[in-house]
PDB file of N, CA and C in Angstrom:
ATOM      1  N   SER A   1       5.333   0.662  12.369  1.00  0.00           N
ATOM      2  CA  SER A   1       6.483   1.197  13.084  1.00  0.00           C
ATOM      3  C   SER A   1       7.192   2.234  12.224  1.00  0.00           C
ATOM      4  N   ARG A   2       7.959   3.053  12.853  1.00  0.00           N
ATOM      5  CA  ARG A   2       8.683   4.115  12.147  1.00  0.00           C
ATOM      6  C   ARG A   2       9.630   3.530  11.107  1.00  0.00           C
ATOM      7  N   GLY A   3      10.315   2.441  11.445  1.00  0.00           N
ATOM      8  CA  GLY A   3      11.241   1.821  10.500  1.00  0.00           C
ATOM      9  C   GLY A   3      10.547   1.362   9.233  1.00  0.00           C
ATOM     10  N   ALA A   4       9.375   0.768   9.383  1.00  0.00           N
ATOM     11  CA  ALA A   4       8.622   0.301   8.216  1.00  0.00           C
ATOM     12  C   ALA A   4       8.183   1.478   7.355  1.00  0.00           C
ATOM     13  N   THR A   5       7.785   2.562   7.988  1.00  0.00           N
ATOM     14  CA  THR A   5       7.379   3.754   7.243  1.00  0.00           C
ATOM     15  C   THR A   5       8.559   4.321   6.470  1.00  0.00           C
ATOM     16  N   ASP A   6       9.730   4.336   7.085  1.00  0.00           N
ATOM     17  CA  ASP A   6      10.935   4.809   6.400  1.00  0.00           C
ATOM     18  C   ASP A   6      11.264   3.937   5.197  1.00  0.00           C
ATOM     19  N   ILE A   7      11.085   2.634   5.328  1.00  0.00           N
ATOM     20  CA  ILE A   7      11.349   1.720   4.213  1.00  0.00           C
ATOM     21  C   ILE A   7      10.366   1.973   3.079  1.00  0.00           C
ATOM     22  N   VAL A   8       9.101   2.137   3.410  1.00  0.00           N
ATOM     23  CA  VAL A   8       8.089   2.427   2.384  1.00  0.00           C
ATOM     24  C   VAL A   8       8.425   3.736   1.684  1.00  0.00           C
ATOM     25  N   ARG A   9       8.786   4.747   2.435  1.00  0.00           N
ATOM     26  CA  ARG A   9       9.158   6.044   1.853  1.00  0.00           C
ATOM     27  C   ARG A   9      10.357   5.880   0.911  1.00  0.00           C
ATOM     28  N   TYR A  10      11.358   5.095   1.326  1.00  0.00           N
ATOM     29  CA  TYR A  10      12.530   4.836   0.486  1.00  0.00           C
ATOM     30  C   TYR A  10      12.120   4.148  -0.816  1.00  0.00           C
ATOM     31  N   LEU A  11      11.284   3.117  -0.717  1.00  0.00           N
ATOM     32  CA  LEU A  11      10.851   2.395  -1.916  1.00  0.00           C
ATOM     33  C   LEU A  11      10.068   3.305  -2.856  1.00  0.00           C
ATOM     34  N   ILE A  12       9.239   4.162  -2.307  1.00  0.00           N
ATOM     35  CA  ILE A  12       8.505   5.125  -3.131  1.00  0.00           C
ATOM     36  C   ILE A  12       9.491   6.064  -3.827  1.00  0.00           C
ATOM     37  N   ASP A  13      10.483   6.542  -3.092  1.00  0.00           N
ATOM     38  CA  ASP A  13      11.499   7.429  -3.676  1.00  0.00           C
ATOM     39  C   ASP A  13      12.272   6.742  -4.794  1.00  0.00           C
ATOM     40  N   GLN A  14      12.397   5.413  -4.699  1.00  0.00           N
ATOM     41  CA  GLN A  14      13.103   4.637  -5.722  1.00  0.00           C
ATOM     42  C   GLN A  14      12.184   4.224  -6.869  1.00  0.00           C
ATOM     43  N   LYS A  15      10.983   4.775  -6.879  1.00  0.00           N
ATOM     44  CA  LYS A  15       9.993   4.561  -7.948  1.00  0.00           C
ATOM     45  C   LYS A  15       9.381   3.162  -7.945  1.00  0.00           C
ATOM     46  N   ALA A  16       9.256   2.564  -6.764  1.00  0.00           N
ATOM     47  CA  ALA A  16       8.579   1.264  -6.662  1.00  0.00           C
ATOM     48  C   ALA A  16       7.124   1.420  -7.105  1.00  0.00           C
ATOM     49  N   ASP A  17       6.581   0.373  -7.688  1.00  0.00           N
ATOM     50  CA  ASP A  17       5.184   0.365  -8.135  1.00  0.00           C
ATOM     51  C   ASP A  17       4.282   0.194  -6.916  1.00  0.00           C
ATOM     52  N   VAL A  18       3.626   1.270  -6.495  1.00  0.00           N
ATOM     53  CA  VAL A  18       2.804   1.218  -5.278  1.00  0.00           C
ATOM     54  C   VAL A  18       1.531   0.400  -5.470  1.00  0.00           C
ATOM     55  N   ASP A  19       1.202   0.068  -6.710  1.00  0.00           N
ATOM     56  CA  ASP A  19       0.000  -0.722  -6.977  1.00  0.00           C
ATOM     57  C   ASP A  19       0.309  -2.175  -7.343  1.00  0.00           C
ATOM     58  N   LYS A  20       1.554  -2.588  -7.183  1.00  0.00           N
ATOM     59  CA  LYS A  20       1.931  -3.980  -7.447  1.00  0.00           C
ATOM     60  C   LYS A  20       1.147  -4.879  -6.499  1.00  0.00           C
ATOM     61  N   SER A  21       0.637  -5.988  -7.018  1.00  0.00           N
ATOM     62  CA  SER A  21      -0.160  -6.880  -6.170  1.00  0.00           C
ATOM     63  C   SER A  21       0.457  -8.269  -6.103  1.00  0.00           C
ATOM     64  N   ASP A  22       0.114  -8.991  -5.042  1.00  0.00           N
ATOM     65  CA  ASP A  22       0.580 -10.367  -4.891  1.00  0.00           C
ATOM     66  C   ASP A  22      -0.366 -11.314  -5.629  1.00  0.00           C
ATOM     67  N   SER A  23      -0.175 -12.601  -5.453  1.00  0.00           N
ATOM     68  CA  SER A  23      -0.971 -13.594  -6.192  1.00  0.00           C
ATOM     69  C   SER A  23      -2.451 -13.575  -5.818  1.00  0.00           C
ATOM     70  N   SER A  24      -2.805 -12.940  -4.706  1.00  0.00           N
ATOM     71  CA  SER A  24      -4.210 -12.818  -4.292  1.00  0.00           C
ATOM     72  C   SER A  24      -4.784 -11.442  -4.607  1.00  0.00           C
ATOM     73  N   GLY A  25      -3.994 -10.623  -5.285  1.00  0.00           N
ATOM     74  CA  GLY A  25      -4.459  -9.300  -5.654  1.00  0.00           C
ATOM     75  C   GLY A  25      -4.286  -8.241  -4.578  1.00  0.00           C
ATOM     76  N   TRP A  26      -3.622  -8.603  -3.483  1.00  0.00           N
ATOM     77  CA  TRP A  26      -3.407  -7.639  -2.401  1.00  0.00           C
ATOM     78  C   TRP A  26      -2.245  -6.715  -2.755  1.00  0.00           C
ATOM     79  N   THR A  27      -2.470  -5.418  -2.559  1.00  0.00           N
ATOM     80  CA  THR A  27      -1.416  -4.424  -2.745  1.00  0.00           C
ATOM     81  C   THR A  27      -0.866  -4.027  -1.374  1.00  0.00           C
ATOM     82  N   ALA A  28       0.188  -3.228  -1.396  1.00  0.00           N
ATOM     83  CA  ALA A  28       0.729  -2.715  -0.130  1.00  0.00           C
ATOM     84  C   ALA A  28      -0.337  -1.930   0.629  1.00  0.00           C
ATOM     85  N   LEU A  29      -1.194  -1.232  -0.120  1.00  0.00           N
ATOM     86  CA  LEU A  29      -2.252  -0.457   0.533  1.00  0.00           C
ATOM     87  C   LEU A  29      -3.263  -1.374   1.219  1.00  0.00           C
ATOM     88  N   HIS A  30      -3.644  -2.476   0.581  1.00  0.00           N
ATOM     89  CA  HIS A  30      -4.537  -3.449   1.230  1.00  0.00           C
ATOM     90  C   HIS A  30      -3.929  -3.908   2.563  1.00  0.00           C
ATOM     91  N   ILE A  31      -2.649  -4.229   2.527  1.00  0.00           N
ATOM     92  CA  ILE A  31      -1.978  -4.767   3.712  1.00  0.00           C
ATOM     93  C   ILE A  31      -1.872  -3.707   4.803  1.00  0.00           C
ATOM     94  N   ALA A  32      -1.475  -2.494   4.421  1.00  0.00           N
ATOM     95  CA  ALA A  32      -1.336  -1.418   5.411  1.00  0.00           C
ATOM     96  C   ALA A  32      -2.669  -1.093   6.070  1.00  0.00           C
ATOM     97  N   VAL A  33      -3.738  -1.059   5.278  1.00  0.00           N
ATOM     98  CA  VAL A  33      -5.068  -0.783   5.841  1.00  0.00           C
ATOM     99  C   VAL A  33      -5.477  -1.904   6.791  1.00  0.00           C
ATOM    100  N   SER A  34      -5.298  -3.155   6.365  1.00  0.00           N
ATOM    101  CA  SER A  34      -5.724  -4.280   7.211  1.00  0.00           C
ATOM    102  C   SER A  34      -4.921  -4.347   8.505  1.00  0.00           C
ATOM    103  N   ALA A  35      -3.673  -3.856   8.470  1.00  0.00           N
ATOM    104  CA  ALA A  35      -2.837  -3.845   9.669  1.00  0.00           C
ATOM    105  C   ALA A  35      -3.072  -2.604  10.525  1.00  0.00           C
ATOM    106  N   GLY A  36      -3.855  -1.663  10.012  1.00  0.00           N
ATOM    107  CA  GLY A  36      -4.122  -0.446  10.760  1.00  0.00           C
ATOM    108  C   GLY A  36      -2.942   0.510  10.819  1.00  0.00           C
ATOM    109  N   ASN A  37      -2.041   0.419   9.839  1.00  0.00           N
ATOM    110  CA  ASN A  37      -0.858   1.271   9.841  1.00  0.00           C
ATOM    111  C   ASN A  37      -1.145   2.569   9.084  1.00  0.00           C
ATOM    112  N   GLU A  38      -1.643   3.552   9.812  1.00  0.00           N
ATOM    113  CA  GLU A  38      -2.082   4.811   9.202  1.00  0.00           C
ATOM    114  C   GLU A  38      -0.948   5.577   8.535  1.00  0.00           C
ATOM    115  N   ASP A  39       0.256   5.526   9.108  1.00  0.00           N
ATOM    116  CA  ASP A  39       1.386   6.245   8.512  1.00  0.00           C
ATOM    117  C   ASP A  39       1.718   5.702   7.128  1.00  0.00           C
ATOM    118  N   ILE A  40       1.737   4.381   6.999  1.00  0.00           N
ATOM    119  CA  ILE A  40       2.043   3.780   5.700  1.00  0.00           C
ATOM    120  C   ILE A  40       0.898   4.016   4.730  1.00  0.00           C
ATOM    121  N   VAL A  41      -0.335   3.943   5.200  1.00  0.00           N
ATOM    122  CA  VAL A  41      -1.485   4.250   4.343  1.00  0.00           C
ATOM    123  C   VAL A  41      -1.329   5.657   3.774  1.00  0.00           C
ATOM    124  N   GLN A  42      -0.995   6.620   4.614  1.00  0.00           N
ATOM    125  CA  GLN A  42      -0.822   8.000   4.153  1.00  0.00           C
ATOM    126  C   GLN A  42       0.297   8.112   3.130  1.00  0.00           C
ATOM    127  N   GLU A  43       1.404   7.429   3.359  1.00  0.00           N
ATOM    128  CA  GLU A  43       2.524   7.462   2.408  1.00  0.00           C
ATOM    129  C   GLU A  43       2.103   6.894   1.056  1.00  0.00           C
ATOM    130  N   LEU A  44       1.423   5.754   1.080  1.00  0.00           N
ATOM    131  CA  LEU A  44       1.024   5.099  -0.168  1.00  0.00           C
ATOM    132  C   LEU A  44      -0.007   5.922  -0.929  1.00  0.00           C
ATOM    133  N   VAL A  45      -1.000   6.433  -0.229  1.00  0.00           N
ATOM    134  CA  VAL A  45      -2.022   7.259  -0.883  1.00  0.00           C
ATOM    135  C   VAL A  45      -1.379   8.533  -1.432  1.00  0.00           C
ATOM    136  N   GLY A  46      -0.477   9.116  -0.668  1.00  0.00           N
ATOM    137  CA  GLY A  46       0.228  10.308  -1.124  1.00  0.00           C
ATOM    138  C   GLY A  46       1.067  10.062  -2.363  1.00  0.00           C
ATOM    139  N   ALA A  47       1.515   8.814  -2.526  1.00  0.00           N
ATOM    140  CA  ALA A  47       2.316   8.442  -3.691  1.00  0.00           C
ATOM    141  C   ALA A  47       1.444   8.002  -4.864  1.00  0.00           C
ATOM    142  N   GLY A  48       0.130   8.084  -4.686  1.00  0.00           N
ATOM    143  CA  GLY A  48      -0.773   7.777  -5.788  1.00  0.00           C
ATOM    144  C   GLY A  48      -1.303   6.360  -5.835  1.00  0.00           C
ATOM    145  N   ALA A  49      -1.193   5.618  -4.735  1.00  0.00           N
ATOM    146  CA  ALA A  49      -1.737   4.255  -4.716  1.00  0.00           C
ATOM    147  C   ALA A  49      -3.234   4.283  -5.029  1.00  0.00           C
ATOM    148  N   ASP A  50      -3.671   3.309  -5.793  1.00  0.00           N
ATOM    149  CA  ASP A  50      -5.075   3.216  -6.215  1.00  0.00           C
ATOM    150  C   ASP A  50      -5.936   2.725  -5.055  1.00  0.00           C
ATOM    151  N   VAL A  51      -6.746   3.614  -4.516  1.00  0.00           N
ATOM    152  CA  VAL A  51      -7.586   3.260  -3.367  1.00  0.00           C
ATOM    153  C   VAL A  51      -8.785   2.408  -3.773  1.00  0.00           C
ATOM    154  N   ASN A  52      -8.999   2.256  -5.064  1.00  0.00           N
ATOM    155  CA  ASN A  52     -10.133   1.466  -5.557  1.00  0.00           C
ATOM    156  C   ASN A  52      -9.725   0.131  -6.168  1.00  0.00           C
ATOM    157  N   LYS A  53      -8.425  -0.181  -6.177  1.00  0.00           N
ATOM    158  CA  LYS A  53      -7.959  -1.433  -6.778  1.00  0.00           C
ATOM    159  C   LYS A  53      -8.477  -2.615  -5.960  1.00  0.00           C
ATOM    160  N   ARG A  54      -9.133  -3.524  -6.623  1.00  0.00           N
ATOM    161  CA  ARG A  54      -9.752  -4.662  -5.931  1.00  0.00           C
ATOM    162  C   ARG A  54      -8.848  -5.891  -5.950  1.00  0.00           C
ATOM    163  N   ASN A  55      -8.903  -6.652  -4.853  1.00  0.00           N
ATOM    164  CA  ASN A  55      -8.158  -7.908  -4.798  1.00  0.00           C
ATOM    165  C   ASN A  55      -9.005  -9.021  -5.416  1.00  0.00           C
ATOM    166  N   ASP A  56      -8.535 -10.254  -5.339  1.00  0.00           N
ATOM    167  CA  ASP A  56      -9.233 -11.381  -5.968  1.00  0.00           C
ATOM    168  C   ASP A  56     -10.619 -11.637  -5.377  1.00  0.00           C
ATOM    169  N   LYS A  57     -10.870 -11.136  -4.181  1.00  0.00           N
ATOM    170  CA  LYS A  57     -12.193 -11.298  -3.557  1.00  0.00           C
ATOM    171  C   LYS A  57     -13.093 -10.098  -3.825  1.00  0.00           C
ATOM    172  N   GLY A  58     -12.599  -9.161  -4.641  1.00  0.00           N
ATOM    173  CA  GLY A  58     -13.389  -7.992  -4.996  1.00  0.00           C
ATOM    174  C   GLY A  58     -13.360  -6.873  -3.975  1.00  0.00           C
ATOM    175  N   LEU A  59     -12.429  -6.945  -3.027  1.00  0.00           N
ATOM    176  CA  LEU A  59     -12.354  -5.938  -1.968  1.00  0.00           C
ATOM    177  C   LEU A  59     -11.330  -4.862  -2.303  1.00  0.00           C
ATOM    178  N   SER A  60     -11.726  -3.612  -2.127  1.00  0.00           N
ATOM    179  CA  SER A  60     -10.781  -2.509  -2.288  1.00  0.00           C
ATOM    180  C   SER A  60     -10.125  -2.239  -0.935  1.00  0.00           C
ATOM    181  N   PRO A  61      -8.999  -1.539  -0.928  1.00  0.00           N
ATOM    182  CA  PRO A  61      -8.300  -1.302   0.339  1.00  0.00           C
ATOM    183  C   PRO A  61      -9.092  -0.465   1.340  1.00  0.00           C
ATOM    184  N   LEU A  62      -9.894   0.474   0.845  1.00  0.00           N
ATOM    185  CA  LEU A  62     -10.583   1.389   1.769  1.00  0.00           C
ATOM    186  C   LEU A  62     -12.063   1.112   1.859  1.00  0.00           C
TER     187      LEU A  62
END
Protein backbone atom coordinates (compact mmCIF):
# COMPACT_ATOMS: atom_id res chain seq x y z
CA SER A 1 0.00 0.00 0.00
CA ARG A 2 1.04 3.60 -0.46
CA GLY A 3 1.20 4.16 3.30
CA ALA A 4 3.63 1.29 3.78
CA THR A 5 5.82 2.59 0.96
CA ASP A 6 5.88 6.03 2.58
CA ILE A 7 6.93 4.47 5.89
CA VAL A 8 9.72 2.50 4.22
CA ARG A 9 10.90 5.66 2.45
CA TYR A 10 10.87 7.54 5.79
CA LEU A 11 12.89 4.80 7.51
CA ILE A 12 15.41 4.80 4.67
CA ASP A 13 15.70 8.60 4.96
CA GLN A 14 16.36 8.13 8.69
CA LYS A 15 19.27 5.80 7.81
CA ALA A 16 17.59 2.55 8.86
CA ASP A 17 19.65 -0.57 8.13
CA VAL A 18 17.93 -1.97 5.03
CA ASP A 19 19.76 -5.29 5.46
CA LYS A 20 18.75 -5.87 9.10
CA SER A 21 17.38 -9.39 9.48
CA ASP A 22 15.04 -11.12 11.91
CA SER A 23 15.80 -14.32 13.84
CA SER A 24 15.18 -16.39 10.67
CA GLY A 25 17.46 -14.26 8.53
CA TRP A 26 14.62 -12.54 6.68
CA THR A 27 15.25 -8.94 5.65
CA ALA A 28 12.71 -6.32 4.64
CA LEU A 29 13.56 -7.19 1.05
CA HIS A 30 12.75 -10.89 1.60
CA ILE A 31 9.38 -9.88 3.06
CA ALA A 32 8.55 -7.32 0.36
CA VAL A 33 9.38 -9.79 -2.41
CA SER A 34 7.35 -12.60 -0.82
CA ALA A 35 4.40 -10.22 -0.42
CA GLY A 36 4.68 -9.08 -4.03
CA ASN A 37 5.08 -5.43 -3.02
CA GLU A 38 6.98 -4.07 -6.02
CA ASP A 39 7.02 -0.47 -4.78
CA ILE A 40 8.75 -1.41 -1.53
CA VAL A 41 11.12 -3.76 -3.38
CA GLN A 42 12.13 -0.84 -5.61
CA GLU A 43 12.65 1.46 -2.62
CA LEU A 44 14.79 -1.08 -0.78
CA VAL A 45 16.90 -2.00 -3.81
CA GLY A 46 17.32 1.69 -4.60
CA ALA A 47 18.58 2.21 -1.06
CA GLY A 48 21.20 -0.49 -1.55
CA ALA A 49 19.53 -3.53 0.01
CA ASP A 50 21.56 -6.69 -0.59
CA VAL A 51 19.67 -8.72 -3.18
CA ASN A 52 21.91 -11.72 -2.50
CA LYS A 53 21.63 -11.85 1.31
CA ARG A 54 20.47 -15.34 2.26
CA ASN A 55 18.10 -16.24 5.07
CA ASP A 56 18.53 -19.24 7.40
CA LYS A 57 17.17 -21.57 4.69
CA GLY A 58 19.73 -20.30 2.19
CA LEU A 59 17.22 -18.33 0.13
CA SER A 60 18.00 -14.91 -1.30
CA PRO A 61 15.21 -12.36 -1.76
CA LEU A 62 15.28 -12.45 -5.57
